[in-house]
């Protein structure tokens, strides 16, 4: 069984026992979270496509960890003018294990 969920402005293809890294979600480790914005549910021959979401569909997951992504380095440079700016950014993320699709 597979489903496409929407969270954090992005879409993810998930199936049970998958580990998915998504934008930061509220909650602590070992808490259960439900995704209601399900765009598609597929189970072998049965495929349900939402307009825009599948009614009554729900994906349940368990938060494994709240963490930060790798550092992204932003470096601005202008030749011959001694202009250099270096900054960085680490996006907060949540690692979720998908438990069930209904």
C-alpha atoms as a PDB file:
ATOM      1  CA  UNK A   1       0.000   0.000   0.000  1.00  0.00           C
ATOM      2  CA  UNK A   2       1.259   3.475  -0.901  1.00  0.00           C
ATOM      3  CA  UNK A   3       0.069   7.027  -0.439  1.00  0.00           C
ATOM      4  CA  UNK A   4       1.082  10.532  -1.427  1.00  0.00           C
ATOM      5  CA  UNK A   5       0.875  13.014   1.432  1.00  0.00           C
ATOM      6  CA  UNK A   6       1.337  16.766   1.531  1.00  0.00           C
ATOM      7  CA  UNK A   7       3.135  18.492   4.386  1.00  0.00           C
ATOM      8  CA  UNK A   8       5.280  21.587   4.593  1.00  0.00           C
ATOM      9  CA  UNK A   9       4.347  22.594   1.044  1.00  0.00           C
ATOM     10  CA  UNK A  10       5.891  19.410  -0.379  1.00  0.00           C
ATOM     11  CA  UNK A  11       4.551  16.035  -1.467  1.00  0.00           C
ATOM     12  CA  UNK A  12       5.950  12.677  -0.346  1.00  0.00           C
ATOM     13  CA  UNK A  13       5.328   9.136  -1.594  1.00  0.00           C
ATOM     14  CA  UNK A  14       5.102   6.919   1.495  1.00  0.00           C
ATOM     15  CA  UNK A  15       4.346   3.323   2.400  1.00  0.00           C
ATOM     16  CA  UNK A  16       4.224   1.572   5.806  1.00  0.00           C
ATOM     17  CA  UNK A  17       7.574   1.305   7.657  1.00  0.00           C
ATOM     18  CA  UNK A  18       9.162   4.115   5.579  1.00  0.00           C
ATOM     19  CA  UNK A  19      11.284   6.775   7.267  1.00  0.00           C
ATOM     20  CA  UNK A  20      10.559  10.223   5.837  1.00  0.00           C
ATOM     21  CA  UNK A  21      12.382  13.491   6.537  1.00  0.00           C
ATOM     22  CA  UNK A  22       9.937  16.412   6.402  1.00  0.00           C
ATOM     23  CA  UNK A  23       9.835  20.086   7.398  1.00  0.00           C
ATOM     24  CA  UNK A  24       9.614  20.651  11.161  1.00  0.00           C
ATOM     25  CA  UNK A  25       6.349  19.449  12.700  1.00  0.00           C
ATOM     26  CA  UNK A  26       5.125  20.202  16.221  1.00  0.00           C
ATOM     27  CA  UNK A  27       5.637  17.375  18.694  1.00  0.00           C
ATOM     28  CA  UNK A  28       8.305  15.426  20.531  1.00  0.00           C
ATOM     29  CA  UNK A  29       9.993  12.097  19.883  1.00  0.00           C
ATOM     30  CA  UNK A  30       7.786   8.981  20.228  1.00  0.00           C
ATOM     31  CA  UNK A  31       4.591  10.960  19.644  1.00  0.00           C
ATOM     32  CA  UNK A  32       2.043   9.924  17.035  1.00  0.00           C
ATOM     33  CA  UNK A  33       1.117  12.293  14.214  1.00  0.00           C
ATOM     34  CA  UNK A  34      -1.625  12.011  11.601  1.00  0.00           C
ATOM     35  CA  UNK A  35      -1.425  13.388   8.065  1.00  0.00           C
ATOM     36  CA  UNK A  36      -4.881  14.322   6.764  1.00  0.00           C
ATOM     37  CA  UNK A  37      -3.795  15.852   3.454  1.00  0.00           C
ATOM     38  CA  UNK A  38      -3.653  12.613   1.435  1.00  0.00           C
ATOM     39  CA  UNK A  39      -3.563  13.135  -2.331  1.00  0.00           C
ATOM     40  CA  UNK A  40      -3.514   9.492  -3.474  1.00  0.00           C
ATOM     41  CA  UNK A  41      -3.995   6.044  -1.950  1.00  0.00           C
ATOM     42  CA  UNK A  42      -2.949   2.960  -3.935  1.00  0.00           C
ATOM     43  CA  UNK A  43      -3.360  -0.686  -2.926  1.00  0.00           C
ATOM     44  CA  UNK A  44      -2.437  -3.094  -5.755  1.00  0.00           C
ATOM     45  CA  UNK A  45      -5.511  -2.753  -8.030  1.00  0.00           C
ATOM     46  CA  UNK A  46      -7.396  -0.053  -6.100  1.00  0.00           C
ATOM     47  CA  UNK A  47      -6.265   3.518  -6.733  1.00  0.00           C
ATOM     48  CA  UNK A  48      -8.056   6.492  -5.190  1.00  0.00           C
ATOM     49  CA  UNK A  49      -7.109   9.960  -6.409  1.00  0.00           C
ATOM     50  CA  UNK A  50      -8.286  12.991  -4.463  1.00  0.00           C
ATOM     51  CA  UNK A  51      -9.724  16.237  -5.780  1.00  0.00           C
ATOM     52  CA  UNK A  52      -7.589  17.672  -4.184  1.00  0.00           C
ATOM     53  CA  UNK A  53      -7.602  15.285  -1.174  1.00  0.00           C
ATOM     54  CA  UNK A  54      -8.986  11.767  -0.660  1.00  0.00           C
ATOM     55  CA  UNK A  55     -11.959  11.945   1.703  1.00  0.00           C
ATOM     56  CA  UNK A  56     -11.555   9.885   4.875  1.00  0.00           C
ATOM     57  CA  UNK A  57      -7.962   8.886   4.127  1.00  0.00           C
ATOM     58  CA  UNK A  58      -5.374   9.205   6.863  1.00  0.00           C
ATOM     59  CA  UNK A  59      -1.691   8.360   7.220  1.00  0.00           C
ATOM     60  CA  UNK A  60      -0.420   7.773  10.753  1.00  0.00           C
ATOM     61  CA  UNK A  61       3.236   8.145  11.657  1.00  0.00           C
ATOM     62  CA  UNK A  62       5.501   8.211  14.684  1.00  0.00           C
ATOM     63  CA  UNK A  63       8.013  11.006  15.252  1.00  0.00           C
ATOM     64  CA  UNK A  64      11.464   9.483  15.613  1.00  0.00           C
ATOM     65  CA  UNK A  65      13.589  12.614  15.924  1.00  0.00           C
ATOM     66  CA  UNK A  66      13.591  16.410  15.736  1.00  0.00           C
ATOM     67  CA  UNK A  67      16.869  17.510  14.162  1.00  0.00           C
ATOM     68  CA  UNK A  68      18.587  19.965  11.865  1.00  0.00           C
ATOM     69  CA  UNK A  69      19.648  19.388   8.258  1.00  0.00           C
ATOM     70  CA  UNK A  70      23.215  19.777   7.037  1.00  0.00           C
ATOM     71  CA  UNK A  71      24.564  23.317   6.927  1.00  0.00           C
ATOM     72  CA  UNK A  72      23.965  25.244   3.722  1.00  0.00           C
ATOM     73  CA  UNK A  73      26.706  27.805   3.008  1.00  0.00           C
ATOM     74  CA  UNK A  74      25.787  31.030   1.213  1.00  0.00           C
ATOM     75  CA  UNK A  75      28.796  32.865  -0.184  1.00  0.00           C
ATOM     76  CA  UNK A  76      28.428  36.160  -2.074  1.00  0.00           C
ATOM     77  CA  UNK A  77      31.396  37.483  -4.021  1.00  0.00           C
ATOM     78  CA  UNK A  78      32.000  40.418  -6.345  1.00  0.00           C
ATOM     79  CA  UNK A  79      35.219  40.437  -8.312  1.00  0.00           C
ATOM     80  CA  UNK A  80      37.653  43.375  -7.999  1.00  0.00           C
ATOM     81  CA  UNK A  81      35.647  45.164  -5.304  1.00  0.00           C
ATOM     82  CA  UNK A  82      36.718  43.340  -2.107  1.00  0.00           C
ATOM     83  CA  UNK A  83      33.109  42.268  -1.448  1.00  0.00           C
ATOM     84  CA  UNK A  84      32.687  38.928   0.304  1.00  0.00           C
ATOM     85  CA  UNK A  85      29.807  37.752   2.519  1.00  0.00           C
ATOM     86  CA  UNK A  86      29.606  34.285   4.034  1.00  0.00           C
ATOM     87  CA  UNK A  87      26.529  33.104   5.928  1.00  0.00           C
ATOM     88  CA  UNK A  88      25.007  29.735   6.688  1.00  0.00           C
ATOM     89  CA  UNK A  89      21.648  28.135   7.369  1.00  0.00           C
ATOM     90  CA  UNK A  90      20.484  24.884   8.976  1.00  0.00           C
ATOM     91  CA  UNK A  91      16.855  23.948   8.320  1.00  0.00           C
ATOM     92  CA  UNK A  92      14.961  22.254  11.146  1.00  0.00           C
ATOM     93  CA  UNK A  93      13.436  18.918  10.197  1.00  0.00           C
ATOM     94  CA  UNK A  94      11.440  16.036  11.606  1.00  0.00           C
ATOM     95  CA  UNK A  95      12.109  12.354  10.908  1.00  0.00           C
ATOM     96  CA  UNK A  96       8.843  10.370  10.810  1.00  0.00           C
ATOM     97  CA  UNK A  97       8.289   6.607  10.550  1.00  0.00           C
ATOM     98  CA  UNK A  98       5.052   5.783   8.710  1.00  0.00           C
ATOM     99  CA  UNK A  99       3.021   3.245  10.680  1.00  0.00           C
ATOM    100  CA  UNK A 100      -0.260   2.844   8.780  1.00  0.00           C
ATOM    101  CA  UNK A 101      -2.301   4.070   5.831  1.00  0.00           C
ATOM    102  CA  UNK A 102      -6.102   3.971   6.083  1.00  0.00           C
END
